[in-house]
């Protein structure tokens, strides 16, 4: 389980580091986006959402890759990962495999670090 968790952290951290750095300083070619997905991405770029998400991705990816504060990194990536998954399900289903794999890695890592998350799932605080 320890080796699988280490591999999962790397497999989840590397894409977020790559795409986070790309959001901060574009270096990957982006195909022209049209329709609803193009409008949504245009709005996100225009209003600075991609810069914010890029910083968030880089911080979380570095935490995952160095193996420190992994539960914090998973909490930081959780909501954006849900949005990424919904974006690809609704607007770009052709590129769905990567978000599904990243979501599976996130769930696996949450399971692997469950003691850190147990407290937020208690119904009653004492």
N, C-alpha and C. Protein backbone atom coordinates (compact mmCIF):
# COMPACT_ATOMS: atom_id res chain seq x y z
N UNK A 1 0.83 -1.20 0.00
CA UNK A 1 0.00 0.00 0.00
C UNK A 1 0.87 1.26 0.00
N UNK A 2 2.02 1.18 0.68
CA UNK A 2 2.89 2.35 0.76
C UNK A 2 3.46 2.72 -0.62
N UNK A 3 3.85 1.72 -1.38
CA UNK A 3 4.40 1.98 -2.71
C UNK A 3 3.30 2.49 -3.65
N UNK A 4 2.10 1.90 -3.55
CA UNK A 4 0.98 2.35 -4.38
C UNK A 4 0.62 3.79 -4.07
N UNK A 5 0.65 4.16 -2.79
CA UNK A 5 0.35 5.54 -2.40
C UNK A 5 1.42 6.49 -2.94
N UNK A 6 2.67 6.08 -2.87
CA UNK A 6 3.76 6.91 -3.40
C UNK A 6 3.61 7.12 -4.90
N UNK A 7 3.28 6.06 -5.62
CA UNK A 7 3.07 6.16 -7.08
C UNK A 7 1.87 7.05 -7.39
N UNK A 8 0.78 6.88 -6.63
CA UNK A 8 -0.43 7.67 -6.85
C UNK A 8 -0.16 9.16 -6.61
N UNK A 9 0.64 9.48 -5.58
CA UNK A 9 0.97 10.88 -5.33
C UNK A 9 1.74 11.48 -6.51
N UNK A 10 2.65 10.71 -7.07
CA UNK A 10 3.40 11.19 -8.23
C UNK A 10 2.53 11.34 -9.45
N UNK A 11 1.66 10.35 -9.68
CA UNK A 11 0.78 10.40 -10.86
C UNK A 11 -0.26 11.51 -10.76
N UNK A 12 -0.66 11.87 -9.54
CA UNK A 12 -1.61 12.97 -9.37
C UNK A 12 -0.88 14.32 -9.37
N UNK A 13 0.30 14.35 -8.76
CA UNK A 13 1.02 15.61 -8.64
C UNK A 13 1.62 16.12 -9.94
N UNK A 14 2.17 15.22 -10.75
CA UNK A 14 2.83 15.66 -11.98
C UNK A 14 1.91 16.38 -12.98
N UNK A 15 0.72 15.83 -13.29
CA UNK A 15 -0.15 16.58 -14.23
C UNK A 15 -0.58 17.94 -13.67
N UNK A 16 -0.85 18.00 -12.36
CA UNK A 16 -1.25 19.29 -11.80
C UNK A 16 -0.09 20.27 -11.78
N UNK A 17 1.12 19.78 -11.58
CA UNK A 17 2.28 20.67 -11.66
C UNK A 17 2.46 21.18 -13.09
N UNK A 18 2.35 20.28 -14.06
CA UNK A 18 2.50 20.66 -15.46
C UNK A 18 1.43 21.68 -15.88
N UNK A 19 0.17 21.37 -15.61
CA UNK A 19 -0.91 22.27 -16.03
C UNK A 19 -0.94 23.55 -15.19
N UNK A 20 -0.52 23.47 -13.93
CA UNK A 20 -0.44 24.68 -13.12
C UNK A 20 0.63 25.64 -13.62
N UNK A 21 1.80 25.10 -13.95
CA UNK A 21 2.86 25.94 -14.52
C UNK A 21 2.45 26.49 -15.87
N UNK A 22 1.72 25.69 -16.64
CA UNK A 22 1.25 26.15 -17.95
C UNK A 22 0.24 27.30 -17.80
N UNK A 23 -0.57 27.25 -16.74
CA UNK A 23 -1.53 28.34 -16.51
C UNK A 23 -0.81 29.63 -16.12
N UNK A 24 0.32 29.50 -15.42
CA UNK A 24 1.06 30.68 -15.00
C UNK A 24 1.91 31.27 -16.12
N UNK A 25 2.48 30.39 -16.93
CA UNK A 25 3.31 30.83 -18.06
C UNK A 25 3.11 29.83 -19.20
N UNK A 26 2.19 30.11 -20.10
CA UNK A 26 1.82 29.14 -21.14
C UNK A 26 3.00 28.67 -21.99
N UNK A 27 3.15 27.36 -22.07
CA UNK A 27 4.19 26.76 -22.91
C UNK A 27 3.67 25.56 -23.68
N UNK A 28 2.46 25.09 -23.38
CA UNK A 28 1.86 23.98 -24.12
C UNK A 28 0.93 24.54 -25.20
N UNK A 29 0.94 23.95 -26.37
CA UNK A 29 0.02 24.42 -27.41
C UNK A 29 -1.43 24.09 -27.02
N UNK A 30 -2.31 25.04 -27.23
CA UNK A 30 -3.72 24.86 -26.92
C UNK A 30 -4.51 24.93 -28.22
N UNK A 31 -5.27 23.89 -28.54
CA UNK A 31 -6.09 23.96 -29.75
C UNK A 31 -7.17 25.02 -29.60
N UNK A 32 -7.62 25.61 -30.69
CA UNK A 32 -8.67 26.63 -30.57
C UNK A 32 -9.94 26.02 -29.99
N UNK A 33 -10.47 26.70 -28.99
CA UNK A 33 -11.70 26.24 -28.34
C UNK A 33 -12.88 27.00 -28.92
N UNK A 34 -13.92 26.27 -29.24
CA UNK A 34 -15.11 26.89 -29.80
C UNK A 34 -16.32 26.51 -28.96
N UNK A 35 -17.41 27.14 -29.23
CA UNK A 35 -18.66 26.81 -28.57
C UNK A 35 -18.63 27.16 -27.09
N UNK A 36 -19.39 26.38 -26.32
CA UNK A 36 -19.52 26.64 -24.88
C UNK A 36 -18.20 26.49 -24.13
N UNK A 37 -17.41 25.49 -24.50
CA UNK A 37 -16.14 25.30 -23.79
C UNK A 37 -15.20 26.47 -24.06
N UNK A 38 -15.22 27.02 -25.26
CA UNK A 38 -14.40 28.17 -25.58
C UNK A 38 -14.84 29.41 -24.82
N UNK A 39 -16.16 29.60 -24.70
CA UNK A 39 -16.67 30.73 -23.95
C UNK A 39 -16.30 30.64 -22.48
N UNK A 40 -16.46 29.44 -21.92
CA UNK A 40 -16.14 29.27 -20.50
C UNK A 40 -14.65 29.52 -20.24
N UNK A 41 -13.79 28.94 -21.07
CA UNK A 41 -12.35 29.14 -20.89
C UNK A 41 -11.98 30.60 -21.12
N UNK A 42 -12.62 31.25 -22.09
CA UNK A 42 -12.35 32.66 -22.33
C UNK A 42 -12.68 33.52 -21.12
N UNK A 43 -13.81 33.24 -20.49
CA UNK A 43 -14.19 33.97 -19.28
C UNK A 43 -13.22 33.71 -18.13
N UNK A 44 -12.80 32.46 -17.99
CA UNK A 44 -11.87 32.13 -16.91
C UNK A 44 -10.53 32.83 -17.11
N UNK A 45 -10.07 32.90 -18.35
CA UNK A 45 -8.80 33.58 -18.63
C UNK A 45 -8.95 35.08 -18.43
N UNK A 46 -10.03 35.65 -18.95
CA UNK A 46 -10.26 37.09 -18.88
C UNK A 46 -10.33 37.60 -17.43
N UNK A 47 -10.94 36.82 -16.55
CA UNK A 47 -11.15 37.27 -15.18
C UNK A 47 -10.13 36.73 -14.19
N UNK A 48 -9.07 36.08 -14.68
CA UNK A 48 -7.97 35.67 -13.82
C UNK A 48 -8.16 34.37 -13.07
N UNK A 49 -9.19 33.63 -13.37
CA UNK A 49 -9.42 32.36 -12.68
C UNK A 49 -8.30 31.38 -12.98
N UNK A 50 -7.81 31.37 -14.20
CA UNK A 50 -6.78 30.40 -14.56
C UNK A 50 -5.47 30.68 -13.80
N UNK A 51 -5.17 31.93 -13.55
CA UNK A 51 -3.97 32.25 -12.76
C UNK A 51 -4.12 31.75 -11.33
N UNK A 52 -5.27 32.00 -10.73
CA UNK A 52 -5.53 31.52 -9.38
C UNK A 52 -5.45 30.00 -9.32
N UNK A 53 -6.11 29.34 -10.26
CA UNK A 53 -6.07 27.88 -10.28
C UNK A 53 -4.67 27.37 -10.54
N UNK A 54 -3.90 28.05 -11.38
CA UNK A 54 -2.52 27.65 -11.64
C UNK A 54 -1.69 27.66 -10.37
N UNK A 55 -1.82 28.71 -9.57
CA UNK A 55 -1.08 28.79 -8.30
C UNK A 55 -1.54 27.66 -7.37
N UNK A 56 -2.85 27.45 -7.30
CA UNK A 56 -3.40 26.38 -6.46
C UNK A 56 -2.88 25.01 -6.88
N UNK A 57 -2.87 24.75 -8.17
CA UNK A 57 -2.37 23.48 -8.69
C UNK A 57 -0.90 23.28 -8.37
N UNK A 58 -0.10 24.32 -8.55
CA UNK A 58 1.34 24.20 -8.30
C UNK A 58 1.60 23.94 -6.81
N UNK A 59 0.93 24.67 -5.94
CA UNK A 59 1.12 24.48 -4.50
C UNK A 59 0.74 23.06 -4.10
N UNK A 60 -0.44 22.62 -4.52
CA UNK A 60 -0.91 21.27 -4.17
C UNK A 60 0.00 20.20 -4.77
N UNK A 61 0.43 20.40 -6.00
CA UNK A 61 1.29 19.41 -6.66
C UNK A 61 2.63 19.29 -5.95
N UNK A 62 3.21 20.41 -5.56
CA UNK A 62 4.49 20.37 -4.85
C UNK A 62 4.32 19.65 -3.51
N UNK A 63 3.23 19.92 -2.80
CA UNK A 63 2.98 19.22 -1.54
C UNK A 63 2.85 17.72 -1.76
N UNK A 64 2.16 17.32 -2.82
CA UNK A 64 2.03 15.89 -3.12
C UNK A 64 3.38 15.28 -3.47
N UNK A 65 4.15 15.96 -4.31
CA UNK A 65 5.40 15.39 -4.79
C UNK A 65 6.48 15.30 -3.71
N UNK A 66 6.48 16.24 -2.76
CA UNK A 66 7.46 16.15 -1.69
C UNK A 66 6.94 15.30 -0.53
N UNK A 67 5.66 14.96 -0.57
CA UNK A 67 5.10 14.08 0.44
C UNK A 67 4.81 14.74 1.78
N UNK A 68 4.70 16.04 1.79
CA UNK A 68 4.39 16.77 3.03
C UNK A 68 2.99 17.36 2.92
N UNK A 69 2.25 17.33 4.01
CA UNK A 69 0.90 17.89 4.05
C UNK A 69 0.02 17.35 2.92
N UNK A 70 0.12 16.06 2.68
CA UNK A 70 -0.64 15.44 1.60
C UNK A 70 -2.15 15.63 1.79
N UNK A 71 -2.71 15.47 3.01
CA UNK A 71 -4.15 15.72 3.15
C UNK A 71 -4.55 17.15 2.77
N UNK A 72 -3.70 18.13 3.06
CA UNK A 72 -3.98 19.52 2.67
C UNK A 72 -4.00 19.62 1.15
N UNK A 73 -3.04 18.99 0.50
CA UNK A 73 -2.99 19.01 -0.97
C UNK A 73 -4.25 18.38 -1.55
N UNK A 74 -4.71 17.28 -0.96
CA UNK A 74 -5.91 16.61 -1.47
C UNK A 74 -7.15 17.48 -1.27
N UNK A 75 -7.20 18.21 -0.16
CA UNK A 75 -8.32 19.13 0.07
C UNK A 75 -8.28 20.28 -0.93
N UNK A 76 -7.08 20.79 -1.22
CA UNK A 76 -6.94 21.88 -2.20
C UNK A 76 -7.36 21.44 -3.60
N UNK A 77 -7.05 20.20 -3.96
CA UNK A 77 -7.36 19.72 -5.31
C UNK A 77 -8.77 19.18 -5.47
N UNK A 78 -9.45 18.87 -4.37
CA UNK A 78 -10.78 18.26 -4.45
C UNK A 78 -11.80 19.07 -5.24
N UNK A 79 -12.12 20.29 -4.81
CA UNK A 79 -13.13 21.07 -5.55
C UNK A 79 -12.75 21.36 -7.00
N UNK A 80 -11.51 21.80 -7.29
CA UNK A 80 -11.18 22.01 -8.71
C UNK A 80 -11.27 20.72 -9.53
N UNK A 81 -10.95 19.60 -8.91
CA UNK A 81 -11.03 18.33 -9.63
C UNK A 81 -12.48 17.98 -9.98
N UNK A 82 -13.40 18.30 -9.09
CA UNK A 82 -14.82 18.09 -9.39
C UNK A 82 -15.25 18.97 -10.56
N UNK A 83 -14.81 20.22 -10.57
CA UNK A 83 -15.15 21.14 -11.65
C UNK A 83 -14.53 20.67 -12.97
N UNK A 84 -13.28 20.21 -12.92
CA UNK A 84 -12.63 19.69 -14.12
C UNK A 84 -13.41 18.49 -14.66
N UNK A 85 -13.78 17.60 -13.76
CA UNK A 85 -14.53 16.41 -14.17
C UNK A 85 -15.87 16.80 -14.79
N UNK A 86 -16.60 17.72 -14.17
CA UNK A 86 -17.89 18.16 -14.72
C UNK A 86 -17.71 18.89 -16.05
N UNK A 87 -16.65 19.69 -16.17
CA UNK A 87 -16.37 20.39 -17.43
C UNK A 87 -16.19 19.37 -18.55
N UNK A 88 -15.42 18.33 -18.30
CA UNK A 88 -15.15 17.35 -19.35
C UNK A 88 -16.35 16.44 -19.61
N UNK A 89 -17.16 16.20 -18.60
CA UNK A 89 -18.37 15.40 -18.82
C UNK A 89 -19.37 16.16 -19.68
N UNK A 90 -19.56 17.45 -19.38
CA UNK A 90 -20.61 18.22 -20.05
C UNK A 90 -20.16 18.93 -21.32
N UNK A 91 -18.92 19.44 -21.35
CA UNK A 91 -18.50 20.28 -22.47
C UNK A 91 -17.46 19.64 -23.38
N UNK A 92 -16.64 18.73 -22.85
CA UNK A 92 -15.56 18.15 -23.66
C UNK A 92 -15.43 16.65 -23.37
N UNK A 93 -16.46 15.87 -23.68
CA UNK A 93 -16.42 14.45 -23.33
C UNK A 93 -15.33 13.66 -24.05
N UNK A 94 -14.79 14.18 -25.12
CA UNK A 94 -13.73 13.48 -25.83
C UNK A 94 -12.43 13.39 -25.05
N UNK A 95 -12.24 14.30 -24.11
CA UNK A 95 -11.01 14.30 -23.32
C UNK A 95 -11.28 13.90 -21.87
N UNK A 96 -12.23 13.00 -21.68
CA UNK A 96 -12.65 12.59 -20.34
C UNK A 96 -11.71 11.62 -19.62
N UNK A 97 -10.93 10.78 -20.31
CA UNK A 97 -10.13 9.79 -19.57
C UNK A 97 -9.17 10.37 -18.52
N UNK A 98 -8.45 11.44 -18.82
CA UNK A 98 -7.51 11.99 -17.85
C UNK A 98 -8.20 12.47 -16.58
N UNK A 99 -9.29 13.26 -16.66
CA UNK A 99 -9.96 13.66 -15.42
C UNK A 99 -10.51 12.47 -14.62
N UNK A 100 -10.95 11.42 -15.30
CA UNK A 100 -11.44 10.24 -14.58
C UNK A 100 -10.29 9.57 -13.83
N UNK A 101 -9.14 9.45 -14.46
CA UNK A 101 -7.97 8.84 -13.81
C UNK A 101 -7.52 9.70 -12.63
N UNK A 102 -7.48 11.02 -12.82
CA UNK A 102 -7.06 11.91 -11.73
C UNK A 102 -8.03 11.85 -10.56
N UNK A 103 -9.32 11.74 -10.85
CA UNK A 103 -10.31 11.61 -9.79
C UNK A 103 -10.15 10.29 -9.04
N UNK A 104 -9.88 9.23 -9.76
CA UNK A 104 -9.65 7.93 -9.13
C UNK A 104 -8.41 7.98 -8.24
N UNK A 105 -7.35 8.64 -8.69
CA UNK A 105 -6.15 8.78 -7.87
C UNK A 105 -6.44 9.59 -6.61
N UNK A 106 -7.22 10.65 -6.75
CA UNK A 106 -7.60 11.47 -5.59
C UNK A 106 -8.37 10.63 -4.57
N UNK A 107 -9.34 9.87 -5.04
CA UNK A 107 -10.13 9.03 -4.14
C UNK A 107 -9.24 7.98 -3.47
N UNK A 108 -8.35 7.37 -4.23
CA UNK A 108 -7.43 6.38 -3.67
C UNK A 108 -6.56 7.01 -2.58
N UNK A 109 -6.05 8.21 -2.82
CA UNK A 109 -5.19 8.86 -1.84
C UNK A 109 -5.98 9.29 -0.60
N UNK A 110 -7.22 9.71 -0.79
CA UNK A 110 -8.05 10.02 0.38
C UNK A 110 -8.24 8.77 1.22
N UNK A 111 -8.50 7.65 0.56
CA UNK A 111 -8.63 6.37 1.27
C UNK A 111 -7.32 6.03 1.99
N UNK A 112 -6.20 6.25 1.35
CA UNK A 112 -4.91 5.95 1.96
C UNK A 112 -4.56 6.85 3.13
N UNK A 113 -5.12 8.04 3.17
CA UNK A 113 -4.88 8.98 4.26
C UNK A 113 -6.14 9.20 5.09
N UNK A 114 -6.99 8.19 5.16
CA UNK A 114 -8.29 8.32 5.80
C UNK A 114 -8.23 8.84 7.22
N UNK A 115 -7.28 8.44 8.05
CA UNK A 115 -7.27 8.98 9.42
C UNK A 115 -7.25 10.51 9.47
N UNK A 116 -6.63 11.15 8.49
CA UNK A 116 -6.59 12.61 8.46
C UNK A 116 -7.96 13.22 8.12
N UNK A 117 -8.83 12.44 7.47
CA UNK A 117 -10.14 12.95 7.04
C UNK A 117 -11.27 12.50 7.95
N UNK A 118 -11.01 11.54 8.82
CA UNK A 118 -12.06 10.96 9.65
C UNK A 118 -12.79 12.02 10.47
N UNK A 119 -12.08 12.99 11.00
CA UNK A 119 -12.67 14.00 11.86
C UNK A 119 -13.72 14.87 11.19
N UNK A 120 -13.60 15.11 9.91
CA UNK A 120 -14.58 15.98 9.25
C UNK A 120 -15.87 15.24 8.90
N UNK A 121 -15.86 13.94 9.09
CA UNK A 121 -17.06 13.15 8.82
C UNK A 121 -17.77 12.70 10.09
N UNK A 122 -17.49 13.35 11.21
CA UNK A 122 -18.20 13.05 12.45
C UNK A 122 -19.45 13.91 12.51
N UNK A 123 -20.57 13.28 12.87
CA UNK A 123 -21.85 13.98 12.88
C UNK A 123 -21.98 14.92 14.07
N UNK A 124 -21.31 14.63 15.15
CA UNK A 124 -21.50 15.41 16.36
C UNK A 124 -20.15 15.71 17.00
N UNK A 125 -19.90 16.98 17.25
CA UNK A 125 -18.66 17.38 17.93
C UNK A 125 -18.89 17.37 19.43
N UNK A 126 -17.91 16.93 20.17
CA UNK A 126 -18.06 16.88 21.63
C UNK A 126 -17.40 18.04 22.29
